[in-house]
Amino acid sequence: MPDYTFEHAALATGAHSVAGIDEVGRGPLSGPVVAAAVILDPDNIPKGLRDSKKLTAARRAVLFEEITASSDFSLGSCSVHEIDQINILQATFLAMRRALNGLKTLPGHVLIDGNRLPKDLPCPAEAIVKGDDRSVSIAAASIIAKVTRDRLMADLAQQFPGYGWENNAGYGTKQHLDALNRLGVTPHHRVSFKPVHNILYQQK
C-alpha cells in the first residue's frame, strides 16, 4: 500500500508542501488525456488510498469525494486535437503542467508517477515508477483523474452510443473496434492512433 514516505522526505528537505500528479488516458483510442495534481492535508489523509485501477468504481467514487473535500487539487487535460498534434507523451506532460498550475498553492515539491518528468516545471520534482502504489499523494491524484475521465467518457457515450465508452472509457476493446468499423470515426477519436488511422485510410 502507498504511504507518506516520499512526502516526508521532501518536507524534511524544506519543501513547504508536496503535490502528487498522475494521469489517466494515455492508451485509449478516444477522449482526452486527464491529469490531476493533489496536495493532501497530512493531518487528514483519506484511508484506503491506492492505485485507482485496484479499486472498485464505487470505492473510487467515495474516495473522490473525500479527497476533493480535504485537499488542494486541480485537473488538467489535453484534447484529442492536441494529442494528434503533439503526440500522446507530450500531451500527457502538458496535461500534468496544467494540473500543477491550477493548484491554489504552488507546492514546494512534486511527485510524478512514471519514469520521466515534464520539462519546464515551476518547482522541484521527482519521477516515481509505480508511484500510485508507493505514494499516497500520487494515489490520490490517480483516483481524481480516473473518476473525472470515466465520467467524461460516460457523458460522451450518451452523445455517441454504440462504442461502449461508458464501459471501456475509450480503450480499444473488441466492442469499440467493432463499432469503429461499423459506425466510423467520431470527432472524439485520436486519428494519430493506428487503429483509428487505419480505418480512416481504408475509408479513403
N, C-alpha and C. Protein backbone atom coordinates (compact mmCIF):
# COMPACT_ATOMS: atom_id res chain seq x y z
N MET A 1 0.84 -1.20 0.00
CA MET A 1 0.00 0.00 0.00
C MET A 1 0.88 1.25 0.00
N PRO A 2 0.45 2.29 -0.70
CA PRO A 2 1.23 3.54 -0.69
C PRO A 2 1.21 4.20 0.68
N ASP A 3 2.24 4.99 0.95
CA ASP A 3 2.31 5.69 2.23
C ASP A 3 2.84 7.11 2.01
N TYR A 4 3.25 7.76 3.10
CA TYR A 4 3.66 9.18 3.05
C TYR A 4 5.18 9.32 3.10
N THR A 5 5.93 8.25 2.80
CA THR A 5 7.39 8.26 2.92
C THR A 5 8.04 9.30 2.01
N PHE A 6 7.65 9.31 0.74
CA PHE A 6 8.24 10.26 -0.21
C PHE A 6 7.91 11.71 0.18
N GLU A 7 6.68 11.90 0.65
CA GLU A 7 6.26 13.24 1.07
C GLU A 7 7.07 13.70 2.29
N HIS A 8 7.23 12.82 3.26
CA HIS A 8 8.02 13.15 4.45
C HIS A 8 9.45 13.54 4.06
N ALA A 9 10.03 12.80 3.13
CA ALA A 9 11.41 13.06 2.71
C ALA A 9 11.53 14.44 2.08
N ALA A 10 10.55 14.80 1.26
CA ALA A 10 10.58 16.13 0.62
C ALA A 10 10.37 17.24 1.64
N LEU A 11 9.45 17.03 2.57
CA LEU A 11 9.20 18.04 3.60
C LEU A 11 10.43 18.22 4.49
N ALA A 12 11.16 17.13 4.71
CA ALA A 12 12.36 17.19 5.57
C ALA A 12 13.47 18.03 4.94
N THR A 13 13.43 18.17 3.61
CA THR A 13 14.46 18.98 2.94
C THR A 13 14.05 20.45 2.83
N GLY A 14 12.86 20.78 3.36
CA GLY A 14 12.44 22.18 3.39
C GLY A 14 11.26 22.53 2.51
N ALA A 15 10.74 21.57 1.75
CA ALA A 15 9.54 21.85 0.93
C ALA A 15 8.37 22.17 1.85
N HIS A 16 7.64 23.24 1.53
CA HIS A 16 6.52 23.63 2.39
C HIS A 16 5.28 22.77 2.15
N SER A 17 5.19 22.15 0.98
CA SER A 17 4.08 21.25 0.68
C SER A 17 4.49 20.36 -0.48
N VAL A 18 3.80 19.24 -0.63
CA VAL A 18 4.13 18.26 -1.67
C VAL A 18 2.87 17.89 -2.44
N ALA A 19 2.97 17.91 -3.75
CA ALA A 19 1.84 17.51 -4.61
C ALA A 19 2.17 16.20 -5.30
N GLY A 20 1.15 15.36 -5.45
CA GLY A 20 1.26 14.17 -6.27
C GLY A 20 0.55 14.41 -7.59
N ILE A 21 1.11 13.91 -8.69
CA ILE A 21 0.50 14.07 -10.01
C ILE A 21 0.44 12.72 -10.70
N ASP A 22 -0.71 12.44 -11.30
CA ASP A 22 -0.86 11.23 -12.11
C ASP A 22 -1.81 11.53 -13.25
N GLU A 23 -1.76 10.70 -14.29
CA GLU A 23 -2.62 10.89 -15.45
C GLU A 23 -3.40 9.62 -15.75
N VAL A 24 -4.47 9.79 -16.48
CA VAL A 24 -5.28 8.68 -16.96
C VAL A 24 -5.63 8.94 -18.41
N GLY A 25 -5.52 7.91 -19.23
CA GLY A 25 -5.98 8.05 -20.61
C GLY A 25 -4.90 8.13 -21.66
N ARG A 26 -3.73 7.57 -21.40
CA ARG A 26 -2.69 7.57 -22.44
C ARG A 26 -3.02 6.55 -23.54
N GLY A 27 -3.62 5.43 -23.17
CA GLY A 27 -3.80 4.34 -24.11
C GLY A 27 -5.07 4.32 -24.95
N PRO A 28 -6.16 4.98 -24.54
CA PRO A 28 -7.41 4.87 -25.27
C PRO A 28 -7.33 5.40 -26.71
N LEU A 29 -8.27 4.97 -27.52
CA LEU A 29 -8.38 5.44 -28.90
C LEU A 29 -9.21 6.71 -29.00
N SER A 30 -9.92 7.04 -27.92
CA SER A 30 -10.78 8.22 -27.96
C SER A 30 -10.75 8.94 -26.62
N GLY A 31 -11.15 10.21 -26.66
CA GLY A 31 -11.22 11.02 -25.45
C GLY A 31 -9.90 11.68 -25.09
N PRO A 32 -9.96 12.64 -24.19
CA PRO A 32 -8.76 13.38 -23.78
C PRO A 32 -7.88 12.57 -22.86
N VAL A 33 -6.67 13.05 -22.62
CA VAL A 33 -5.85 12.56 -21.52
C VAL A 33 -6.04 13.54 -20.36
N VAL A 34 -6.24 13.01 -19.17
CA VAL A 34 -6.56 13.82 -17.99
C VAL A 34 -5.52 13.60 -16.90
N ALA A 35 -5.02 14.68 -16.35
CA ALA A 35 -4.07 14.61 -15.22
C ALA A 35 -4.67 15.31 -14.02
N ALA A 36 -4.26 14.87 -12.85
CA ALA A 36 -4.68 15.52 -11.60
C ALA A 36 -3.46 15.79 -10.75
N ALA A 37 -3.50 16.90 -10.03
CA ALA A 37 -2.48 17.24 -9.03
C ALA A 37 -3.18 17.38 -7.69
N VAL A 38 -2.61 16.78 -6.65
CA VAL A 38 -3.25 16.79 -5.33
C VAL A 38 -2.21 17.10 -4.26
N ILE A 39 -2.53 18.06 -3.40
CA ILE A 39 -1.75 18.32 -2.18
C ILE A 39 -2.61 17.86 -1.02
N LEU A 40 -2.26 16.73 -0.43
CA LEU A 40 -3.02 16.20 0.70
C LEU A 40 -2.74 16.99 1.97
N ASP A 41 -3.73 17.05 2.85
CA ASP A 41 -3.53 17.57 4.19
C ASP A 41 -2.93 16.44 5.02
N PRO A 42 -1.68 16.60 5.49
CA PRO A 42 -1.03 15.50 6.23
C PRO A 42 -1.82 15.04 7.45
N ASP A 43 -2.65 15.91 7.99
CA ASP A 43 -3.44 15.56 9.18
C ASP A 43 -4.82 15.01 8.82
N ASN A 44 -5.11 14.91 7.53
CA ASN A 44 -6.45 14.45 7.14
C ASN A 44 -6.36 13.69 5.81
N ILE A 45 -5.60 12.61 5.83
CA ILE A 45 -5.42 11.79 4.62
C ILE A 45 -6.51 10.72 4.59
N PRO A 46 -7.31 10.68 3.54
CA PRO A 46 -8.35 9.64 3.45
C PRO A 46 -7.75 8.24 3.55
N LYS A 47 -8.45 7.36 4.23
CA LYS A 47 -7.96 6.00 4.40
C LYS A 47 -8.24 5.16 3.16
N GLY A 48 -7.31 4.28 2.83
CA GLY A 48 -7.53 3.35 1.72
C GLY A 48 -7.07 3.85 0.38
N LEU A 49 -6.26 4.92 0.34
CA LEU A 49 -5.76 5.41 -0.93
C LEU A 49 -4.82 4.38 -1.56
N ARG A 50 -5.01 4.13 -2.84
CA ARG A 50 -4.12 3.25 -3.59
C ARG A 50 -4.33 3.48 -5.07
N ASP A 51 -3.56 2.80 -5.89
CA ASP A 51 -3.69 2.89 -7.34
C ASP A 51 -5.15 2.76 -7.73
N SER A 52 -5.67 3.74 -8.48
CA SER A 52 -7.10 3.76 -8.81
C SER A 52 -7.55 2.51 -9.55
N LYS A 53 -6.65 1.87 -10.31
CA LYS A 53 -7.02 0.68 -11.08
C LYS A 53 -7.28 -0.51 -10.17
N LYS A 54 -6.83 -0.44 -8.92
CA LYS A 54 -7.00 -1.55 -7.98
C LYS A 54 -8.20 -1.36 -7.06
N LEU A 55 -8.99 -0.33 -7.34
CA LEU A 55 -10.19 -0.03 -6.55
C LEU A 55 -11.43 -0.24 -7.39
N THR A 56 -12.53 -0.59 -6.74
CA THR A 56 -13.80 -0.67 -7.46
C THR A 56 -14.28 0.73 -7.80
N ALA A 57 -15.16 0.83 -8.77
CA ALA A 57 -15.71 2.14 -9.15
C ALA A 57 -16.41 2.79 -7.96
N ALA A 58 -17.11 1.99 -7.17
CA ALA A 58 -17.83 2.53 -6.01
C ALA A 58 -16.84 3.09 -4.98
N ARG A 59 -15.75 2.37 -4.75
CA ARG A 59 -14.76 2.83 -3.77
C ARG A 59 -14.04 4.07 -4.28
N ARG A 60 -13.75 4.10 -5.59
CA ARG A 60 -13.13 5.31 -6.16
C ARG A 60 -14.03 6.52 -5.97
N ALA A 61 -15.33 6.34 -6.17
CA ALA A 61 -16.27 7.46 -6.04
C ALA A 61 -16.29 8.01 -4.61
N VAL A 62 -16.24 7.11 -3.62
CA VAL A 62 -16.21 7.55 -2.22
C VAL A 62 -14.92 8.31 -1.93
N LEU A 63 -13.79 7.75 -2.37
CA LEU A 63 -12.50 8.42 -2.12
C LEU A 63 -12.39 9.74 -2.87
N PHE A 64 -12.98 9.80 -4.06
CA PHE A 64 -13.01 11.06 -4.82
C PHE A 64 -13.63 12.17 -3.98
N GLU A 65 -14.75 11.88 -3.36
CA GLU A 65 -15.42 12.89 -2.52
C GLU A 65 -14.56 13.27 -1.32
N GLU A 66 -13.92 12.28 -0.70
CA GLU A 66 -13.09 12.56 0.48
C GLU A 66 -11.85 13.38 0.11
N ILE A 67 -11.24 13.04 -1.02
CA ILE A 67 -10.03 13.77 -1.45
C ILE A 67 -10.38 15.21 -1.80
N THR A 68 -11.43 15.40 -2.59
CA THR A 68 -11.78 16.76 -3.03
C THR A 68 -12.26 17.63 -1.87
N ALA A 69 -12.78 17.00 -0.81
CA ALA A 69 -13.26 17.76 0.34
C ALA A 69 -12.12 18.19 1.27
N SER A 70 -10.98 17.49 1.21
CA SER A 70 -9.94 17.73 2.22
C SER A 70 -8.60 18.18 1.64
N SER A 71 -8.51 18.30 0.33
CA SER A 71 -7.21 18.57 -0.30
C SER A 71 -7.27 19.76 -1.25
N ASP A 72 -6.10 20.29 -1.57
CA ASP A 72 -5.96 21.23 -2.68
C ASP A 72 -5.73 20.36 -3.92
N PHE A 73 -6.63 20.42 -4.89
CA PHE A 73 -6.48 19.58 -6.07
C PHE A 73 -6.82 20.38 -7.32
N SER A 74 -6.31 19.90 -8.44
CA SER A 74 -6.56 20.56 -9.71
C SER A 74 -6.49 19.52 -10.82
N LEU A 75 -7.23 19.79 -11.89
CA LEU A 75 -7.24 18.91 -13.06
C LEU A 75 -6.66 19.63 -14.26
N GLY A 76 -6.02 18.88 -15.13
CA GLY A 76 -5.55 19.39 -16.41
C GLY A 76 -5.80 18.34 -17.46
N SER A 77 -6.10 18.76 -18.67
CA SER A 77 -6.35 17.78 -19.72
C SER A 77 -5.79 18.27 -21.04
N CYS A 78 -5.68 17.35 -21.99
CA CYS A 78 -5.34 17.68 -23.36
C CYS A 78 -6.36 17.03 -24.27
N SER A 79 -6.85 17.79 -25.20
CA SER A 79 -7.91 17.32 -26.10
C SER A 79 -7.36 16.33 -27.12
N VAL A 80 -8.28 15.66 -27.78
CA VAL A 80 -7.92 14.75 -28.88
C VAL A 80 -7.12 15.50 -29.94
N HIS A 81 -7.54 16.71 -30.25
CA HIS A 81 -6.83 17.50 -31.27
C HIS A 81 -5.39 17.76 -30.83
N GLU A 82 -5.19 18.11 -29.57
CA GLU A 82 -3.84 18.37 -29.07
C GLU A 82 -3.00 17.09 -29.08
N ILE A 83 -3.62 15.96 -28.70
CA ILE A 83 -2.91 14.68 -28.72
C ILE A 83 -2.42 14.37 -30.13
N ASP A 84 -3.29 14.56 -31.12
CA ASP A 84 -2.92 14.28 -32.50
C ASP A 84 -1.85 15.25 -33.02
N GLN A 85 -1.84 16.45 -32.48
CA GLN A 85 -0.87 17.47 -32.93
C GLN A 85 0.52 17.26 -32.34
N ILE A 86 0.60 16.95 -31.04
CA ILE A 86 1.91 16.96 -30.38
C ILE A 86 2.36 15.58 -29.89
N ASN A 87 1.57 14.57 -30.03
CA ASN A 87 1.73 13.17 -29.63
C ASN A 87 1.31 12.96 -28.17
N ILE A 88 1.02 11.72 -27.84
CA ILE A 88 0.40 11.43 -26.54
C ILE A 88 1.34 11.69 -25.37
N LEU A 89 2.64 11.45 -25.54
CA LEU A 89 3.57 11.71 -24.44
C LEU A 89 3.62 13.19 -24.11
N GLN A 90 3.79 14.03 -25.12
CA GLN A 90 3.85 15.48 -24.88
C GLN A 90 2.51 16.01 -24.38
N ALA A 91 1.42 15.43 -24.86
CA ALA A 91 0.08 15.84 -24.38
C ALA A 91 -0.09 15.47 -22.91
N THR A 92 0.43 14.31 -22.52
CA THR A 92 0.38 13.91 -21.11
C THR A 92 1.16 14.89 -20.25
N PHE A 93 2.36 15.25 -20.69
CA PHE A 93 3.16 16.21 -19.93
C PHE A 93 2.46 17.57 -19.84
N LEU A 94 1.82 18.00 -20.93
CA LEU A 94 1.12 19.28 -20.92
C LEU A 94 -0.06 19.24 -19.96
N ALA A 95 -0.79 18.13 -19.95
CA ALA A 95 -1.91 17.99 -19.01
C ALA A 95 -1.42 18.04 -17.57
N MET A 96 -0.26 17.43 -17.31
CA MET A 96 0.32 17.47 -15.96
C MET A 96 0.69 18.90 -15.56
N ARG A 97 1.31 19.62 -16.48
CA ARG A 97 1.68 21.02 -16.17
C ARG A 97 0.42 21.85 -15.92
N ARG A 98 -0.61 21.63 -16.70
CA ARG A 98 -1.86 22.37 -16.50
C ARG A 98 -2.47 22.05 -15.13
N ALA A 99 -2.42 20.79 -14.73
CA ALA A 99 -2.95 20.42 -13.42
C ALA A 99 -2.14 21.09 -12.31
N LEU A 100 -0.83 21.05 -12.42
CA LEU A 100 0.03 21.67 -11.40
C LEU A 100 -0.22 23.16 -11.31
N ASN A 101 -0.33 23.82 -12.45
CA ASN A 101 -0.53 25.27 -12.45
C ASN A 101 -1.90 25.68 -11.95
N GLY A 102 -2.82 24.73 -11.87
CA GLY A 102 -4.17 25.05 -11.40
C GLY A 102 -4.36 24.96 -9.90
N LEU A 103 -3.34 24.47 -9.19
CA LEU A 103 -3.44 24.37 -7.73
C LEU A 103 -3.53 25.76 -7.10
N LYS A 104 -4.21 25.85 -5.98
CA LYS A 104 -4.32 27.15 -5.29
C LYS A 104 -2.96 27.61 -4.81
N THR A 105 -2.12 26.66 -4.37
CA THR A 105 -0.78 26.98 -3.88
C THR A 105 0.24 26.17 -4.65
N LEU A 106 1.25 26.82 -5.18
CA LEU A 106 2.32 26.10 -5.86
C LEU A 106 3.10 25.30 -4.82
N PRO A 107 3.20 23.98 -4.99
CA PRO A 107 3.89 23.18 -3.98
C PRO A 107 5.40 23.41 -4.01
N GLY A 108 6.05 23.00 -2.92
CA GLY A 108 7.50 23.09 -2.87
C GLY A 108 8.18 21.91 -3.55
N HIS A 109 7.43 20.84 -3.77
CA HIS A 109 7.98 19.63 -4.38
C HIS A 109 6.83 18.86 -5.03
N VAL A 110 7.15 18.16 -6.12
CA VAL A 110 6.13 17.40 -6.85
C VAL A 110 6.60 15.96 -7.04
N LEU A 111 5.69 15.03 -6.80
CA LEU A 111 5.93 13.61 -7.05
C LEU A 111 5.08 13.21 -8.25
N ILE A 112 5.71 12.67 -9.28
CA ILE A 112 5.00 12.35 -10.52
C ILE A 112 5.12 10.86 -10.82
N ASP A 113 4.00 10.24 -11.12
CA ASP A 113 4.01 8.82 -11.45
C ASP A 113 4.71 8.59 -12.78
N GLY A 114 5.62 7.60 -12.83
CA GLY A 114 6.29 7.27 -14.07
C GLY A 114 7.80 7.39 -13.96
N ASN A 115 8.46 7.34 -15.12
CA ASN A 115 9.93 7.39 -15.12
C ASN A 115 10.49 8.61 -15.85
N ARG A 116 9.60 9.54 -16.22
CA ARG A 116 10.05 10.75 -16.91
C ARG A 116 9.30 11.96 -16.36
N LEU A 117 9.98 13.10 -16.39
CA LEU A 117 9.37 14.33 -15.89
C LEU A 117 9.07 15.28 -17.05
N PRO A 118 7.95 15.99 -16.98
CA PRO A 118 7.72 17.06 -17.95
C PRO A 118 8.78 18.14 -17.82
N LYS A 119 9.08 18.81 -18.90
CA LYS A 119 10.01 19.93 -18.86
C LYS A 119 9.30 21.18 -18.33
N ASP A 120 10.10 22.14 -17.90
CA ASP A 120 9.60 23.47 -17.53
C ASP A 120 8.61 23.45 -16.37
N LEU A 121 8.84 22.57 -15.40
CA LEU A 121 8.00 22.59 -14.20
C LEU A 121 8.42 23.76 -13.32
N PRO A 122 7.47 24.39 -12.62
CA PRO A 122 7.80 25.59 -11.83
C PRO A 122 8.37 25.29 -10.45
N CYS A 123 8.59 24.00 -10.14
CA CYS A 123 9.13 23.65 -8.83
C CYS A 123 9.88 22.32 -8.94
N PRO A 124 10.69 21.98 -7.95
CA PRO A 124 11.42 20.70 -7.98
C PRO A 124 10.45 19.52 -8.06
N ALA A 125 10.89 18.46 -8.76
CA ALA A 125 10.02 17.30 -8.95
C ALA A 125 10.85 16.04 -9.04
N GLU A 126 10.21 14.92 -8.75
CA GLU A 126 10.84 13.62 -8.94
C GLU A 126 9.84 12.64 -9.54
N ALA A 127 10.34 11.80 -10.44
CA ALA A 127 9.51 10.76 -11.05
C ALA A 127 9.63 9.49 -10.21
N ILE A 128 8.50 8.84 -9.97
CA ILE A 128 8.48 7.62 -9.16
C ILE A 128 7.79 6.52 -9.96
N VAL A 129 8.54 5.50 -10.32
CA VAL A 129 7.97 4.37 -11.05
C VAL A 129 6.97 3.64 -10.15
N LYS A 130 5.81 3.33 -10.70
CA LYS A 130 4.70 2.73 -9.93
C LYS A 130 4.35 3.61 -8.73
N GLY A 131 4.40 4.91 -8.95
CA GLY A 131 4.17 5.85 -7.87
C GLY A 131 2.80 5.77 -7.23
N ASP A 132 1.79 5.36 -8.03
CA ASP A 132 0.44 5.27 -7.45
C ASP A 132 0.31 4.10 -6.49
N ASP A 133 1.31 3.23 -6.45
CA ASP A 133 1.35 2.14 -5.46
C ASP A 133 2.30 2.45 -4.31
N ARG A 134 2.99 3.62 -4.38
CA ARG A 134 4.02 3.91 -3.39
C ARG A 134 3.80 5.21 -2.64
N SER A 135 3.12 6.16 -3.26
CA SER A 135 2.89 7.48 -2.65
C SER A 135 1.40 7.74 -2.55
N VAL A 136 0.94 8.12 -1.36
CA VAL A 136 -0.50 8.39 -1.20
C VAL A 136 -0.93 9.62 -2.00
N SER A 137 -0.02 10.59 -2.18
CA SER A 137 -0.38 11.78 -2.95
C SER A 137 -0.60 11.43 -4.42
N ILE A 138 0.27 10.56 -4.97
CA ILE A 138 0.09 10.13 -6.35
C ILE A 138 -1.15 9.25 -6.47
N ALA A 139 -1.37 8.38 -5.49
CA ALA A 139 -2.58 7.54 -5.50
C ALA A 139 -3.84 8.41 -5.51
N ALA A 140 -3.84 9.46 -4.70
CA ALA A 140 -4.98 10.38 -4.67
C ALA A 140 -5.19 11.03 -6.03
N ALA A 141 -4.09 11.44 -6.66
CA ALA A 141 -4.18 12.05 -7.99
C ALA A 141 -4.72 11.07 -9.02
N SER A 142 -4.29 9.81 -8.90
CA SER A 142 -4.77 8.81 -9.86
C SER A 142 -6.27 8.60 -9.74
N ILE A 143 -6.78 8.65 -8.51
CA ILE A 143 -8.22 8.49 -8.28
C ILE A 143 -9.00 9.67 -8.85
N ILE A 144 -8.52 10.88 -8.59
CA ILE A 144 -9.19 12.08 -9.10
C ILE A 144 -9.21 12.07 -10.63
N ALA A 145 -8.08 11.73 -11.24
CA ALA A 145 -8.00 11.72 -12.70
C ALA A 145 -8.90 10.65 -13.30
N LYS A 146 -8.89 9.45 -12.72
CA LYS A 146 -9.67 8.36 -13.31
C LYS A 146 -11.17 8.59 -13.17
N VAL A 147 -11.61 9.00 -12.00
CA VAL A 147 -13.05 9.25 -11.82
C VAL A 147 -13.52 10.35 -12.77
N THR A 148 -12.72 11.41 -12.89
CA THR A 148 -13.08 12.52 -13.77
C THR A 148 -13.17 12.06 -15.21
N ARG A 149 -12.16 11.32 -15.67
CA ARG A 149 -12.16 10.90 -17.08
C ARG A 149 -13.26 9.87 -17.36
N ASP A 150 -13.46 8.93 -16.43
CA ASP A 150 -14.52 7.92 -16.64
C ASP A 150 -15.89 8.58 -16.76
N ARG A 151 -16.12 9.60 -15.94
CA ARG A 151 -17.41 10.31 -16.01
C ARG A 151 -17.55 11.07 -17.32
N LEU A 152 -16.46 11.65 -17.76
CA LEU A 152 -16.48 12.37 -19.04
C LEU A 152 -16.78 11.41 -20.19
N MET A 153 -16.14 10.25 -20.20
CA MET A 153 -16.37 9.29 -21.27
C MET A 153 -17.79 8.73 -21.22
N ALA A 154 -18.34 8.58 -20.02
CA ALA A 154 -19.74 8.13 -19.91
C ALA A 154 -20.69 9.17 -20.48
N ASP A 155 -20.37 10.46 -20.27
CA ASP A 155 -21.18 11.53 -20.86
C ASP A 155 -21.08 11.51 -22.39
N LEU A 156 -19.86 11.32 -22.90
CA LEU A 156 -19.68 11.27 -24.36
C LEU A 156 -20.38 10.05 -24.96
N ALA A 157 -20.48 8.98 -24.18
CA ALA A 157 -21.16 7.77 -24.67
C ALA A 157 -22.64 8.03 -24.93
N GLN A 158 -23.22 8.96 -24.18
CA GLN A 158 -24.62 9.32 -24.42
C GLN A 158 -24.77 10.01 -25.77
N GLN A 159 -23.78 10.79 -26.14
CA GLN A 159 -23.83 11.52 -27.41
C GLN A 159 -23.44 10.65 -28.60
N PHE A 160 -22.59 9.66 -28.34
CA PHE A 160 -22.12 8.77 -29.41
C PHE A 160 -22.30 7.32 -28.96
N PRO A 161 -23.55 6.83 -28.95
CA PRO A 161 -23.80 5.46 -28.47
C PRO A 161 -23.24 4.41 -29.43
N GLY A 162 -22.98 3.25 -28.87
CA GLY A 162 -22.54 2.12 -29.68
C GLY A 162 -21.09 1.75 -29.51
N TYR A 163 -20.27 2.71 -29.07
CA TYR A 163 -18.83 2.44 -28.91
C TYR A 163 -18.49 1.85 -27.54
N GLY A 164 -19.44 1.92 -26.62
CA GLY A 164 -19.22 1.34 -25.30
C GLY A 164 -18.33 2.15 -24.39
N TRP A 165 -18.24 3.46 -24.65
CA TRP A 165 -17.33 4.28 -23.85
C TRP A 165 -17.69 4.32 -22.38
N GLU A 166 -18.97 4.07 -22.08
CA GLU A 166 -19.38 4.06 -20.67
C GLU A 166 -18.76 2.88 -19.92
N ASN A 167 -18.33 1.86 -20.68
CA ASN A 167 -17.71 0.68 -20.06
C ASN A 167 -16.20 0.60 -20.34
N ASN A 168 -15.78 0.97 -21.55
CA ASN A 168 -14.37 0.80 -21.91
C ASN A 168 -13.55 2.09 -21.83
N ALA A 169 -14.21 3.22 -21.53
CA ALA A 169 -13.53 4.52 -21.37
C ALA A 169 -12.68 4.90 -22.58
N GLY A 170 -13.04 4.35 -23.74
CA GLY A 170 -12.33 4.70 -24.96
C GLY A 170 -11.19 3.78 -25.33
N TYR A 171 -10.91 2.78 -24.49
CA TYR A 171 -9.85 1.83 -24.82
C TYR A 171 -10.29 0.94 -25.98
N GLY A 172 -9.31 0.32 -26.65
CA GLY A 172 -9.60 -0.43 -27.87
C GLY A 172 -10.10 -1.83 -27.62
N THR A 173 -11.23 -1.96 -26.95
CA THR A 173 -11.85 -3.26 -26.73
C THR A 173 -12.47 -3.77 -28.04
N LYS A 174 -12.86 -5.03 -28.04
CA LYS A 174 -13.49 -5.60 -29.23
C LYS A 174 -14.75 -4.83 -29.59
N GLN A 175 -15.56 -4.50 -28.58
CA GLN A 175 -16.79 -3.73 -28.83
C GLN A 175 -16.47 -2.40 -29.49
N HIS A 176 -15.44 -1.72 -28.99
CA HIS A 176 -15.08 -0.41 -29.52
C HIS A 176 -14.57 -0.54 -30.96
N LEU A 177 -13.69 -1.52 -31.21
CA LEU A 177 -13.14 -1.71 -32.55
C LEU A 177 -14.23 -2.12 -33.55
N ASP A 178 -15.13 -2.99 -33.10
CA ASP A 178 -16.25 -3.39 -33.97
C ASP A 178 -17.11 -2.17 -34.33
N ALA A 179 -17.36 -1.32 -33.33
CA ALA A 179 -18.17 -0.12 -33.57
C ALA A 179 -17.45 0.85 -34.49
N LEU A 180 -16.14 0.96 -34.35
CA LEU A 180 -15.37 1.83 -35.24
C LEU A 180 -15.53 1.39 -36.70
N ASN A 181 -15.46 0.09 -36.93
CA ASN A 181 -15.62 -0.43 -38.29
C ASN A 181 -17.05 -0.26 -38.80
N ARG A 182 -18.00 -0.36 -37.89
CA ARG A 182 -19.41 -0.31 -38.28
C ARG A 182 -19.95 1.12 -38.36
N LEU A 183 -19.58 1.94 -37.37
CA LEU A 183 -20.16 3.29 -37.24
C LEU A 183 -19.23 4.40 -37.73
N GLY A 184 -17.93 4.07 -37.81
CA GLY A 184 -16.98 5.08 -38.28
C GLY A 184 -16.34 5.85 -37.14
N VAL A 185 -15.55 6.83 -37.52
CA VAL A 185 -14.74 7.63 -36.59
C VAL A 185 -15.52 8.87 -36.15
N THR A 186 -15.48 9.17 -34.87
CA THR A 186 -16.15 10.36 -34.32
C THR A 186 -15.14 11.49 -34.14
N PRO A 187 -15.60 12.71 -33.84
CA PRO A 187 -14.67 13.81 -33.55
C PRO A 187 -13.85 13.59 -32.28
N HIS A 188 -14.24 12.59 -31.49
CA HIS A 188 -13.52 12.33 -30.23
C HIS A 188 -12.51 11.21 -30.35
N HIS A 189 -12.29 10.70 -31.56
CA HIS A 189 -11.28 9.67 -31.78
C HIS A 189 -9.92 10.31 -32.09
N ARG A 190 -8.86 9.64 -31.65
CA ARG A 190 -7.49 10.10 -31.88
C ARG A 190 -7.02 9.54 -33.23
N VAL A 191 -7.03 10.38 -34.24
CA VAL A 191 -6.74 9.91 -35.59
C VAL A 191 -5.26 9.54 -35.78
N SER A 192 -4.41 9.96 -34.85
CA SER A 192 -2.99 9.59 -34.93
C SER A 192 -2.73 8.19 -34.37
N PHE A 193 -3.74 7.60 -33.73
CA PHE A 193 -3.58 6.25 -33.18
C PHE A 193 -3.88 5.24 -34.29
N LYS A 194 -3.07 4.21 -34.36
CA LYS A 194 -3.07 3.33 -35.52
C LYS A 194 -4.43 2.73 -35.87
N PRO A 195 -5.18 2.14 -34.94
CA PRO A 195 -6.46 1.55 -35.33
C PRO A 195 -7.43 2.56 -35.96
N VAL A 196 -7.43 3.78 -35.44
CA VAL A 196 -8.31 4.83 -35.99
C VAL A 196 -7.77 5.29 -37.34
N HIS A 197 -6.46 5.51 -37.41
CA HIS A 197 -5.82 5.94 -38.66
C HIS A 197 -6.09 4.92 -39.77
N ASN A 198 -5.98 3.63 -39.43
CA ASN A 198 -6.17 2.59 -40.44
C ASN A 198 -7.59 2.58 -40.99
N ILE A 199 -8.57 2.81 -40.12
CA ILE A 199 -9.97 2.84 -40.57
C ILE A 199 -10.20 4.05 -41.49
N LEU A 200 -9.65 5.18 -41.12
CA LEU A 200 -9.78 6.37 -41.98
C LEU A 200 -9.11 6.14 -43.32
N TYR A 201 -7.96 5.46 -43.31
CA TYR A 201 -7.22 5.20 -44.55
C TYR A 201 -8.04 4.25 -45.45
N GLN A 202 -8.64 3.24 -44.82
CA GLN A 202 -9.46 2.29 -45.60
C GLN A 202 -10.66 2.99 -46.23
N GLN A 203 -11.25 3.93 -45.47
CA GLN A 203 -12.42 4.64 -45.98
C GLN A 203 -12.06 5.51 -47.18
N LYS A 204 -10.82 6.03 -47.18
CA LYS A 204 -10.37 6.87 -48.30
C LYS A 204 -10.05 6.01 -49.52
